[in-house]
N, C-alpha and C. Protein backbone atom coordinates (compact mmCIF):
# COMPACT_ATOMS: atom_id res chain seq x y z
N MET A 1 115.11 103.77 101.83
CA MET A 1 115.62 103.64 103.17
C MET A 1 114.49 103.52 104.21
N LYS A 2 113.50 104.46 104.03
CA LYS A 2 112.36 104.48 105.02
C LYS A 2 111.57 103.20 104.86
N LYS A 3 111.39 102.65 103.59
CA LYS A 3 110.68 101.47 103.35
C LYS A 3 111.37 100.25 104.03
N ASN A 4 112.72 100.22 103.85
CA ASN A 4 113.50 99.14 104.50
C ASN A 4 113.36 99.16 106.02
N TRP A 5 113.40 100.37 106.61
CA TRP A 5 113.30 100.51 108.03
C TRP A 5 111.90 99.99 108.51
N SER A 6 110.86 100.40 107.83
CA SER A 6 109.53 99.93 108.18
C SER A 6 109.37 98.44 108.07
N ARG A 7 109.98 97.83 107.00
CA ARG A 7 109.97 96.43 106.82
C ARG A 7 110.71 95.68 107.97
N THR A 8 111.84 96.24 108.39
CA THR A 8 112.63 95.63 109.47
C THR A 8 111.82 95.63 110.77
N VAL A 9 111.19 96.80 111.05
CA VAL A 9 110.37 96.90 112.27
C VAL A 9 109.23 95.93 112.24
N ALA A 10 108.56 95.81 111.13
CA ALA A 10 107.44 94.89 110.97
C ALA A 10 107.87 93.45 111.18
N ILE A 11 109.02 93.07 110.64
CA ILE A 11 109.54 91.73 110.79
C ILE A 11 109.88 91.47 112.25
N ALA A 12 110.44 92.43 112.92
CA ALA A 12 110.82 92.27 114.32
C ALA A 12 109.58 92.12 115.18
N LEU A 13 108.56 92.84 114.88
CA LEU A 13 107.31 92.72 115.64
C LEU A 13 106.67 91.33 115.43
N VAL A 14 106.69 90.86 114.21
CA VAL A 14 106.13 89.55 113.94
C VAL A 14 106.89 88.46 114.68
N MET A 15 108.28 88.55 114.69
CA MET A 15 109.10 87.63 115.37
C MET A 15 108.83 87.63 116.88
N ILE A 16 108.61 88.82 117.47
CA ILE A 16 108.33 88.92 118.85
C ILE A 16 106.95 88.30 119.18
N ALA A 17 106.01 88.56 118.30
CA ALA A 17 104.69 87.98 118.50
C ALA A 17 104.67 86.47 118.41
N ILE A 18 105.43 85.89 117.46
CA ILE A 18 105.48 84.45 117.31
C ILE A 18 106.21 83.83 118.51
N SER A 19 107.31 84.45 118.92
CA SER A 19 108.10 83.88 120.04
C SER A 19 107.32 83.88 121.38
N SER A 20 106.41 84.88 121.45
CA SER A 20 105.68 85.01 122.71
C SER A 20 104.32 84.36 122.68
N ALA A 21 103.90 83.87 121.52
CA ALA A 21 102.56 83.33 121.37
C ALA A 21 102.26 82.15 122.25
N SER A 22 103.34 81.34 122.56
CA SER A 22 103.15 80.13 123.36
C SER A 22 102.89 80.51 124.87
N PHE A 23 103.32 81.71 125.22
CA PHE A 23 103.18 82.17 126.62
C PHE A 23 101.94 83.09 126.78
N ALA A 24 101.60 83.83 125.74
CA ALA A 24 100.62 84.93 125.81
C ALA A 24 99.44 84.57 126.71
N GLN A 25 99.19 85.46 127.65
CA GLN A 25 98.10 85.22 128.62
C GLN A 25 97.41 86.54 128.85
N PHE A 26 96.09 86.51 128.75
CA PHE A 26 95.25 87.71 128.95
C PHE A 26 94.88 87.89 130.40
N SER A 27 94.79 89.12 130.83
CA SER A 27 94.45 89.43 132.19
C SER A 27 93.49 90.61 132.23
N LEU A 28 92.68 90.70 133.29
CA LEU A 28 91.79 91.81 133.48
C LEU A 28 92.14 92.46 134.82
N GLY A 29 92.31 93.74 134.85
CA GLY A 29 92.57 94.48 136.06
C GLY A 29 91.47 95.48 136.38
N LEU A 30 91.05 95.52 137.64
CA LEU A 30 90.05 96.50 138.14
C LEU A 30 90.72 97.36 139.19
N GLN A 31 90.62 98.71 139.05
CA GLN A 31 91.28 99.59 139.95
C GLN A 31 90.36 100.71 140.48
N GLY A 32 90.65 101.19 141.69
CA GLY A 32 90.04 102.36 142.22
C GLY A 32 91.23 103.25 142.75
N GLY A 33 91.09 104.57 142.76
CA GLY A 33 92.15 105.38 143.18
C GLY A 33 91.79 106.77 143.49
N ILE A 34 92.74 107.55 143.95
CA ILE A 34 92.59 108.96 144.23
C ILE A 34 93.72 109.69 143.53
N ALA A 35 93.41 110.96 143.17
CA ALA A 35 94.50 111.74 142.55
C ALA A 35 94.36 113.24 143.03
N LYS A 36 95.50 113.94 142.91
CA LYS A 36 95.47 115.37 143.37
C LYS A 36 96.39 116.14 142.38
N SER A 37 95.83 117.30 141.90
CA SER A 37 96.60 118.10 141.00
C SER A 37 97.72 118.87 141.72
N ASN A 38 98.67 119.34 140.91
CA ASN A 38 99.73 120.13 141.51
C ASN A 38 99.31 121.63 141.74
N VAL A 39 98.09 121.98 141.34
CA VAL A 39 97.56 123.32 141.51
C VAL A 39 97.30 123.54 142.99
N GLU A 40 97.67 124.67 143.58
CA GLU A 40 97.51 124.93 145.01
C GLU A 40 96.02 124.94 145.36
N ASP A 41 95.72 124.31 146.49
CA ASP A 41 94.34 124.22 147.02
C ASP A 41 93.44 123.38 146.15
N SER A 42 93.95 122.56 145.29
CA SER A 42 93.14 121.70 144.46
C SER A 42 92.51 120.63 145.26
N LYS A 43 91.43 120.07 144.80
CA LYS A 43 90.73 119.06 145.48
C LYS A 43 91.24 117.64 145.10
N THR A 44 90.99 116.67 145.96
CA THR A 44 91.32 115.31 145.67
C THR A 44 90.23 114.70 144.82
N LEU A 45 90.68 114.07 143.68
CA LEU A 45 89.75 113.42 142.74
C LEU A 45 89.65 111.94 143.10
N ALA A 46 88.49 111.35 142.92
CA ALA A 46 88.32 109.96 143.09
C ALA A 46 88.00 109.33 141.71
N GLY A 47 88.40 108.07 141.50
CA GLY A 47 88.14 107.47 140.20
C GLY A 47 88.40 105.98 140.26
N GLY A 48 88.24 105.42 139.06
CA GLY A 48 88.50 103.92 138.93
C GLY A 48 88.47 103.58 137.46
N GLY A 49 88.73 102.33 137.19
CA GLY A 49 88.77 101.91 135.76
C GLY A 49 89.16 100.46 135.61
N VAL A 50 89.37 100.07 134.33
CA VAL A 50 89.71 98.75 133.96
C VAL A 50 90.96 98.77 133.10
N ASN A 51 91.68 97.64 133.15
CA ASN A 51 92.92 97.50 132.33
C ASN A 51 92.89 96.08 131.76
N LEU A 52 93.05 95.94 130.43
CA LEU A 52 93.18 94.69 129.73
C LEU A 52 94.64 94.52 129.36
N ARG A 53 95.25 93.42 129.79
CA ARG A 53 96.62 93.23 129.49
C ARG A 53 96.88 91.89 128.81
N VAL A 54 98.02 91.79 128.05
CA VAL A 54 98.50 90.60 127.51
C VAL A 54 99.95 90.37 128.02
N PHE A 55 100.15 89.32 128.85
CA PHE A 55 101.48 89.00 129.31
C PHE A 55 102.15 88.17 128.20
N THR A 56 103.22 88.73 127.60
CA THR A 56 103.98 88.04 126.55
C THR A 56 105.10 87.26 127.16
N SER A 57 105.38 87.48 128.45
CA SER A 57 106.40 86.65 129.20
C SER A 57 106.02 86.82 130.63
N PRO A 58 106.63 86.11 131.53
CA PRO A 58 106.34 86.30 133.00
C PRO A 58 106.61 87.74 133.51
N GLN A 59 107.45 88.49 132.76
CA GLN A 59 107.84 89.81 133.31
C GLN A 59 107.39 91.00 132.46
N PHE A 60 106.74 90.77 131.33
CA PHE A 60 106.36 91.84 130.45
C PHE A 60 104.93 91.77 130.02
N ALA A 61 104.23 92.89 130.03
CA ALA A 61 102.81 92.92 129.62
C ALA A 61 102.54 94.25 128.89
N PHE A 62 101.61 94.19 127.91
CA PHE A 62 101.13 95.42 127.28
C PHE A 62 99.64 95.33 127.27
N GLY A 63 98.98 96.51 127.14
CA GLY A 63 97.49 96.47 127.10
C GLY A 63 96.87 97.81 126.84
N VAL A 64 95.60 97.90 127.20
CA VAL A 64 94.86 99.16 127.07
C VAL A 64 94.12 99.40 128.41
N ALA A 65 93.87 100.66 128.73
CA ALA A 65 93.26 101.00 130.02
C ALA A 65 92.27 102.14 129.81
N GLY A 66 91.19 102.11 130.60
CA GLY A 66 90.26 103.26 130.63
C GLY A 66 89.96 103.59 132.09
N LYS A 67 90.03 104.86 132.44
CA LYS A 67 89.74 105.28 133.80
C LYS A 67 88.87 106.53 133.72
N VAL A 68 88.14 106.73 134.83
CA VAL A 68 87.35 107.93 134.96
C VAL A 68 87.61 108.57 136.34
N TYR A 69 87.95 109.78 136.35
CA TYR A 69 88.13 110.58 137.60
C TYR A 69 86.98 111.64 137.65
N ALA A 70 86.42 111.83 138.77
CA ALA A 70 85.30 112.81 138.87
C ALA A 70 85.50 113.72 140.10
N ASP A 71 85.02 114.94 139.96
CA ASP A 71 85.01 115.82 141.10
C ASP A 71 83.83 116.74 141.05
N GLY A 72 83.50 117.40 142.07
CA GLY A 72 82.35 118.33 142.09
C GLY A 72 82.28 119.06 143.42
N SER A 73 81.65 120.22 143.39
CA SER A 73 81.49 121.05 144.62
C SER A 73 80.10 121.63 144.65
N ASP A 74 79.57 121.79 145.82
CA ASP A 74 78.28 122.45 146.08
C ASP A 74 78.45 123.71 146.92
N TYR A 75 77.88 124.81 146.45
CA TYR A 75 77.98 126.07 147.18
C TYR A 75 76.56 126.63 147.46
N THR A 76 76.36 127.10 148.63
CA THR A 76 75.04 127.71 149.00
C THR A 76 75.17 129.18 149.04
N ILE A 77 74.38 129.88 148.19
CA ILE A 77 74.42 131.33 148.13
C ILE A 77 73.03 131.85 148.36
N ALA A 78 72.79 132.52 149.48
CA ALA A 78 71.47 133.10 149.84
C ALA A 78 70.34 132.06 149.67
N GLY A 79 70.60 130.87 150.14
CA GLY A 79 69.62 129.83 150.05
C GLY A 79 69.53 129.11 148.75
N GLN A 80 70.38 129.55 147.76
CA GLN A 80 70.33 128.91 146.41
C GLN A 80 71.59 128.00 146.30
N THR A 81 71.51 126.95 145.47
CA THR A 81 72.58 126.01 145.39
C THR A 81 73.27 126.10 144.02
N LEU A 82 74.58 126.27 144.05
CA LEU A 82 75.43 126.24 142.87
C LEU A 82 76.29 124.99 142.91
N SER A 83 76.23 124.14 141.95
CA SER A 83 77.07 122.96 141.98
C SER A 83 77.91 122.86 140.70
N THR A 84 79.15 122.34 140.85
CA THR A 84 79.99 122.18 139.72
C THR A 84 80.36 120.67 139.62
N GLN A 85 80.45 120.16 138.45
CA GLN A 85 80.86 118.76 138.23
C GLN A 85 81.81 118.65 137.05
N GLY A 86 82.77 117.72 137.22
CA GLY A 86 83.68 117.50 136.14
C GLY A 86 84.15 116.05 136.01
N THR A 87 84.51 115.69 134.83
CA THR A 87 85.05 114.32 134.69
C THR A 87 86.36 114.38 133.79
N LEU A 88 87.24 113.48 134.14
CA LEU A 88 88.47 113.36 133.32
C LEU A 88 88.62 111.86 133.03
N MET A 89 88.71 111.50 131.77
CA MET A 89 88.75 110.12 131.40
C MET A 89 89.96 109.80 130.50
N PRO A 90 91.03 109.22 131.06
CA PRO A 90 92.15 108.76 130.25
C PRO A 90 91.83 107.47 129.57
N VAL A 91 92.12 107.41 128.28
CA VAL A 91 92.06 106.15 127.50
C VAL A 91 93.42 105.92 126.87
N THR A 92 94.15 104.90 127.34
CA THR A 92 95.60 104.82 127.09
C THR A 92 95.98 103.39 126.70
N GLY A 93 97.17 103.34 126.10
CA GLY A 93 97.92 102.11 125.93
C GLY A 93 98.81 101.97 127.13
N THR A 94 99.16 100.74 127.52
CA THR A 94 99.98 100.49 128.73
C THR A 94 101.11 99.56 128.48
N LEU A 95 102.22 99.72 129.21
CA LEU A 95 103.37 98.83 129.22
C LEU A 95 103.75 98.59 130.65
N ASP A 96 104.08 97.35 131.03
CA ASP A 96 104.46 97.02 132.40
C ASP A 96 105.68 96.07 132.36
N TYR A 97 106.64 96.32 133.19
CA TYR A 97 107.80 95.38 133.36
C TYR A 97 107.86 95.01 134.83
N TYR A 98 107.86 93.67 135.11
CA TYR A 98 107.87 93.14 136.46
C TYR A 98 109.25 92.62 136.80
N PHE A 99 109.81 93.06 137.93
CA PHE A 99 111.20 92.70 138.25
C PHE A 99 111.31 91.28 138.88
N ALA A 100 110.20 90.68 139.24
CA ALA A 100 110.23 89.39 139.89
C ALA A 100 108.91 88.65 139.50
N THR A 101 108.91 87.30 139.68
CA THR A 101 107.69 86.51 139.37
C THR A 101 107.22 85.73 140.57
N GLY A 102 107.63 86.12 141.77
CA GLY A 102 107.19 85.42 142.96
C GLY A 102 105.95 86.00 143.55
N VAL A 103 105.80 85.86 144.86
CA VAL A 103 104.59 86.35 145.53
C VAL A 103 104.58 87.89 145.56
N ILE A 104 105.72 88.52 145.77
CA ILE A 104 105.83 90.02 145.71
C ILE A 104 106.50 90.40 144.44
N ARG A 105 105.81 91.24 143.65
CA ARG A 105 106.35 91.57 142.34
C ARG A 105 106.42 93.07 142.15
N PRO A 106 107.57 93.68 142.38
CA PRO A 106 107.67 95.11 142.07
C PRO A 106 107.72 95.36 140.57
N TYR A 107 107.18 96.44 140.12
CA TYR A 107 107.09 96.72 138.68
C TYR A 107 107.15 98.24 138.38
N ILE A 108 107.49 98.52 137.16
CA ILE A 108 107.38 99.86 136.61
C ILE A 108 106.49 99.77 135.35
N GLY A 109 105.88 100.90 135.08
CA GLY A 109 104.98 100.86 133.87
C GLY A 109 104.76 102.28 133.39
N GLY A 110 104.02 102.37 132.34
CA GLY A 110 103.69 103.66 131.75
C GLY A 110 102.39 103.60 130.93
N ASP A 111 101.65 104.68 130.91
CA ASP A 111 100.53 104.82 130.09
C ASP A 111 100.73 105.98 129.15
N ALA A 112 100.10 105.91 127.93
CA ALA A 112 100.09 107.05 127.03
C ALA A 112 98.87 106.97 126.16
N GLY A 113 98.21 108.14 125.97
CA GLY A 113 96.97 108.17 125.21
C GLY A 113 96.30 109.47 125.23
N VAL A 114 94.94 109.44 125.17
CA VAL A 114 94.15 110.62 125.12
C VAL A 114 93.35 110.77 126.42
N TYR A 115 93.37 112.01 126.94
CA TYR A 115 92.65 112.35 128.16
C TYR A 115 91.41 113.24 127.78
N PHE A 116 90.23 112.67 127.98
CA PHE A 116 88.99 113.39 127.66
C PHE A 116 88.51 114.10 128.91
N SER A 117 88.01 115.32 128.82
CA SER A 117 87.49 116.03 129.96
C SER A 117 86.27 116.82 129.63
N LYS A 118 85.43 117.08 130.64
CA LYS A 118 84.18 117.83 130.46
C LYS A 118 83.78 118.36 131.81
N TYR A 119 83.26 119.60 131.81
CA TYR A 119 82.85 120.27 133.03
C TYR A 119 81.59 120.99 132.90
N ASP A 120 80.74 121.05 133.92
CA ASP A 120 79.52 121.86 133.84
C ASP A 120 79.16 122.46 135.19
N ALA A 121 78.29 123.45 135.20
CA ALA A 121 77.86 124.09 136.45
C ALA A 121 76.34 124.13 136.39
N LYS A 122 75.72 123.89 137.59
CA LYS A 122 74.24 123.93 137.72
C LYS A 122 73.83 124.87 138.84
N PHE A 123 72.76 125.61 138.63
CA PHE A 123 72.21 126.48 139.63
C PHE A 123 70.80 126.03 139.94
N ASN A 124 70.63 125.57 141.20
CA ASN A 124 69.30 124.99 141.61
C ASN A 124 68.87 123.83 140.65
N GLY A 125 69.84 123.08 140.21
CA GLY A 125 69.54 121.90 139.33
C GLY A 125 69.49 122.22 137.86
N ASN A 126 69.56 123.44 137.48
CA ASN A 126 69.51 123.86 136.12
C ASN A 126 70.92 124.18 135.55
N THR A 127 71.30 123.57 134.43
CA THR A 127 72.61 123.79 133.84
C THR A 127 72.75 125.30 133.34
N ILE A 128 73.78 125.91 133.87
CA ILE A 128 73.98 127.31 133.49
C ILE A 128 75.27 127.48 132.70
N ALA A 129 76.18 126.49 132.74
CA ALA A 129 77.42 126.47 131.94
C ALA A 129 77.83 125.06 131.69
N GLU A 130 78.29 124.84 130.46
CA GLU A 130 78.70 123.49 130.07
C GLU A 130 79.84 123.56 129.09
N SER A 131 80.92 122.90 129.36
CA SER A 131 82.06 122.96 128.47
C SER A 131 81.88 121.94 127.34
N SER A 132 82.52 122.17 126.19
CA SER A 132 82.64 121.10 125.17
C SER A 132 83.57 120.06 125.69
N ARG A 133 83.47 118.89 125.14
CA ARG A 133 84.37 117.79 125.54
C ARG A 133 85.74 118.05 124.94
N HIS A 134 86.76 118.09 125.85
CA HIS A 134 88.14 118.34 125.38
C HIS A 134 88.90 117.01 125.34
N SER A 135 89.87 116.97 124.38
CA SER A 135 90.77 115.84 124.34
C SER A 135 92.18 116.34 124.22
N ASN A 136 93.06 115.80 125.05
CA ASN A 136 94.43 116.18 125.08
C ASN A 136 95.34 114.93 125.21
N PHE A 137 96.49 114.97 124.62
CA PHE A 137 97.45 113.91 124.75
C PHE A 137 97.98 113.87 126.22
N GLY A 138 98.15 112.69 126.75
CA GLY A 138 98.74 112.54 128.10
C GLY A 138 99.55 111.31 128.27
N ALA A 139 100.38 111.35 129.30
CA ALA A 139 101.27 110.16 129.59
C ALA A 139 101.37 110.07 131.13
N ALA A 140 101.57 108.86 131.61
CA ALA A 140 101.69 108.67 133.07
C ALA A 140 102.63 107.54 133.41
N PRO A 141 103.80 107.86 134.01
CA PRO A 141 104.68 106.80 134.55
C PRO A 141 104.07 106.21 135.79
N ARG A 142 104.31 104.93 136.01
CA ARG A 142 103.76 104.25 137.21
C ARG A 142 104.85 103.37 137.81
N VAL A 143 104.72 103.20 139.17
CA VAL A 143 105.61 102.22 139.89
C VAL A 143 104.78 101.63 141.05
N GLY A 144 104.92 100.32 141.24
CA GLY A 144 104.09 99.70 142.19
C GLY A 144 104.50 98.28 142.63
N LEU A 145 103.65 97.66 143.41
CA LEU A 145 103.88 96.27 143.84
C LEU A 145 102.59 95.47 143.57
N ILE A 146 102.80 94.19 143.22
CA ILE A 146 101.73 93.25 143.11
C ILE A 146 101.98 92.08 144.09
N PHE A 147 100.95 91.76 144.88
CA PHE A 147 101.01 90.61 145.75
C PHE A 147 100.25 89.53 145.07
N ALA A 148 100.98 88.49 144.63
CA ALA A 148 100.42 87.41 143.74
C ALA A 148 99.91 86.25 144.56
N PHE A 149 98.72 85.78 144.29
CA PHE A 149 98.15 84.60 144.90
C PHE A 149 97.62 83.75 143.75
N GLY A 150 98.54 82.92 143.19
CA GLY A 150 98.17 82.15 141.99
C GLY A 150 98.03 83.12 140.84
N LYS A 151 96.91 83.04 140.12
CA LYS A 151 96.66 83.91 138.97
C LYS A 151 95.90 85.16 139.34
N VAL A 152 95.76 85.43 140.65
CA VAL A 152 95.10 86.65 141.05
C VAL A 152 96.13 87.48 141.84
N GLY A 153 96.17 88.81 141.57
CA GLY A 153 97.07 89.69 142.25
C GLY A 153 96.38 90.88 142.86
N ILE A 154 96.89 91.37 144.00
CA ILE A 154 96.47 92.64 144.60
C ILE A 154 97.55 93.68 144.22
N GLN A 155 97.08 94.78 143.64
CA GLN A 155 97.99 95.78 143.07
C GLN A 155 97.93 97.07 143.85
N VAL A 156 99.08 97.64 144.14
CA VAL A 156 99.19 99.00 144.75
C VAL A 156 100.23 99.74 143.99
N GLU A 157 99.85 100.91 143.48
CA GLU A 157 100.76 101.66 142.65
C GLU A 157 100.57 103.17 142.84
N GLY A 158 101.74 103.82 142.56
CA GLY A 158 101.72 105.30 142.47
C GLY A 158 101.79 105.68 140.96
N ILE A 159 101.07 106.76 140.61
CA ILE A 159 101.05 107.17 139.21
C ILE A 159 101.11 108.66 139.18
N TYR A 160 101.74 109.22 138.14
CA TYR A 160 101.84 110.65 137.99
C TYR A 160 101.43 110.98 136.55
N HIS A 161 100.42 111.76 136.34
CA HIS A 161 99.87 112.09 135.01
C HIS A 161 100.43 113.39 134.52
N PHE A 162 100.74 113.45 133.21
CA PHE A 162 101.12 114.65 132.52
C PHE A 162 100.12 114.84 131.34
N VAL A 163 99.31 115.83 131.45
CA VAL A 163 98.29 116.15 130.40
C VAL A 163 98.70 117.39 129.65
N PHE A 164 99.03 117.21 128.37
CA PHE A 164 99.57 118.36 127.58
C PHE A 164 98.45 119.14 126.89
N GLY A 165 98.73 120.42 126.68
CA GLY A 165 97.77 121.25 125.97
C GLY A 165 97.80 121.06 124.48
N ASN A 166 96.85 121.65 123.80
CA ASN A 166 96.80 121.57 122.34
C ASN A 166 97.37 122.90 121.79
N GLU A 167 98.28 122.73 120.82
CA GLU A 167 99.06 123.84 120.31
C GLU A 167 98.20 124.96 119.74
N ASN A 168 97.11 124.59 119.02
CA ASN A 168 96.25 125.57 118.42
C ASN A 168 95.08 125.96 119.31
N HIS A 169 95.13 125.52 120.55
CA HIS A 169 94.08 125.79 121.57
C HIS A 169 92.69 125.30 121.23
N SER A 170 92.61 124.34 120.32
CA SER A 170 91.31 123.71 120.01
C SER A 170 90.96 122.75 121.16
N SER A 171 89.69 122.33 121.09
CA SER A 171 89.26 121.37 122.15
C SER A 171 89.64 119.97 121.91
N THR A 172 90.13 119.65 120.69
CA THR A 172 90.55 118.29 120.36
C THR A 172 91.99 118.29 119.92
N THR A 173 92.64 117.15 120.24
CA THR A 173 94.05 117.02 119.88
C THR A 173 94.24 117.01 118.35
N GLY A 174 93.37 116.27 117.65
CA GLY A 174 93.38 116.24 116.21
C GLY A 174 94.49 115.35 115.63
N SER A 175 95.73 115.68 115.94
CA SER A 175 96.87 114.93 115.44
C SER A 175 98.08 115.13 116.33
N ALA A 176 99.13 114.37 116.09
CA ALA A 176 100.35 114.44 116.91
C ALA A 176 101.02 115.80 116.73
N ASP A 177 100.75 116.48 115.61
CA ASP A 177 101.34 117.84 115.35
C ASP A 177 100.73 118.92 116.21
N ASN A 178 99.59 118.58 116.86
CA ASN A 178 98.87 119.63 117.60
C ASN A 178 99.07 119.43 119.17
N ILE A 179 100.19 118.86 119.58
CA ILE A 179 100.45 118.71 120.98
C ILE A 179 101.45 119.71 121.48
N ASP A 180 101.11 120.45 122.50
CA ASP A 180 101.97 121.48 123.05
C ASP A 180 102.63 120.92 124.31
N PHE A 181 103.85 120.42 124.17
CA PHE A 181 104.51 119.74 125.27
C PHE A 181 105.03 120.73 126.32
N GLU A 182 104.96 122.05 126.02
CA GLU A 182 105.37 123.06 127.05
C GLU A 182 104.18 123.39 127.96
N SER A 183 102.98 123.11 127.50
CA SER A 183 101.79 123.40 128.36
C SER A 183 101.20 122.11 128.91
N THR A 184 101.40 121.90 130.20
CA THR A 184 100.99 120.61 130.80
C THR A 184 100.33 120.80 132.13
N SER A 185 99.36 119.98 132.41
CA SER A 185 98.74 119.92 133.77
C SER A 185 99.17 118.60 134.38
N LYS A 186 99.61 118.67 135.61
CA LYS A 186 100.13 117.45 136.29
C LYS A 186 99.30 117.09 137.47
N PHE A 187 99.14 115.80 137.72
CA PHE A 187 98.49 115.36 138.97
C PHE A 187 98.93 113.96 139.25
N GLY A 188 99.13 113.67 140.56
CA GLY A 188 99.63 112.40 140.98
C GLY A 188 98.56 111.69 141.76
N GLY A 189 98.72 110.36 141.89
CA GLY A 189 97.72 109.62 142.67
C GLY A 189 98.17 108.24 143.12
N VAL A 190 97.31 107.54 143.77
CA VAL A 190 97.53 106.19 144.18
C VAL A 190 96.37 105.30 143.72
N ASN A 191 96.71 104.19 143.17
CA ASN A 191 95.70 103.20 142.71
C ASN A 191 95.82 101.91 143.48
N VAL A 192 94.68 101.28 143.75
CA VAL A 192 94.64 99.96 144.39
C VAL A 192 93.66 99.10 143.56
N GLY A 193 94.04 97.88 143.30
CA GLY A 193 93.21 97.04 142.46
C GLY A 193 93.45 95.58 142.53
N LEU A 194 92.72 94.83 141.68
CA LEU A 194 92.91 93.42 141.50
C LEU A 194 93.22 93.09 140.05
N ILE A 195 94.04 92.11 139.88
CA ILE A 195 94.36 91.60 138.52
C ILE A 195 93.99 90.15 138.47
N PHE A 196 93.16 89.78 137.51
CA PHE A 196 92.74 88.39 137.26
C PHE A 196 93.44 87.89 136.01
N GLY A 197 94.05 86.68 136.14
CA GLY A 197 94.76 86.17 134.98
C GLY A 197 96.22 86.63 135.02
N LEU A 198 96.80 86.75 136.19
CA LEU A 198 98.14 87.31 136.35
C LEU A 198 99.17 86.39 135.69
N GLY A 199 100.07 86.93 134.93
CA GLY A 199 101.12 86.18 134.31
C GLY A 199 102.17 85.75 135.26
N GLY A 200 103.00 84.82 134.94
CA GLY A 200 104.08 84.40 135.78
C GLY A 200 104.18 82.94 135.95
N LYS A 201 104.88 82.46 136.93
CA LYS A 201 105.09 81.04 137.19
C LYS A 201 103.78 80.40 137.60
């Protein structure tokens, strides 16, 4: 039964790939954005990244994305400087559905993948604390608008990230069995960018 189900799914995927091959169009997206955690008094994070997409029809695209968010603070204590720095890097698969193919294209989308993070602290330029690199499963629904000018588009979107904890509290996700869906860190943001090779009419 399981083998037949896998075979059916594989055949369906091949048929979709064949039917969309005549339209398939690659695109590159460049984004910058800001994000803010749901934690009280949290700072605004700045970041940016790239997205590679394949448009299989004028209204549907899938791809991969990589982003980097960074934050940091400097504190002066009796003439000495304490600084903290951190990075959060989501590496995800993406899906997008466009409701129109004209000049203004509203869309919904979603990301899912691994969120890598690392933090350190320095005192007068010397590292005094450094975390190991953590990896956690995360997902992010998105909604936005694209203003299309031929094959180039200006993109504005809102995004909300859910980063889940690891069930065994290790620094790496390891496998799908090690995702704690009850333990999550949330942060929302706004992205602005350009898409080159925009699918559509």
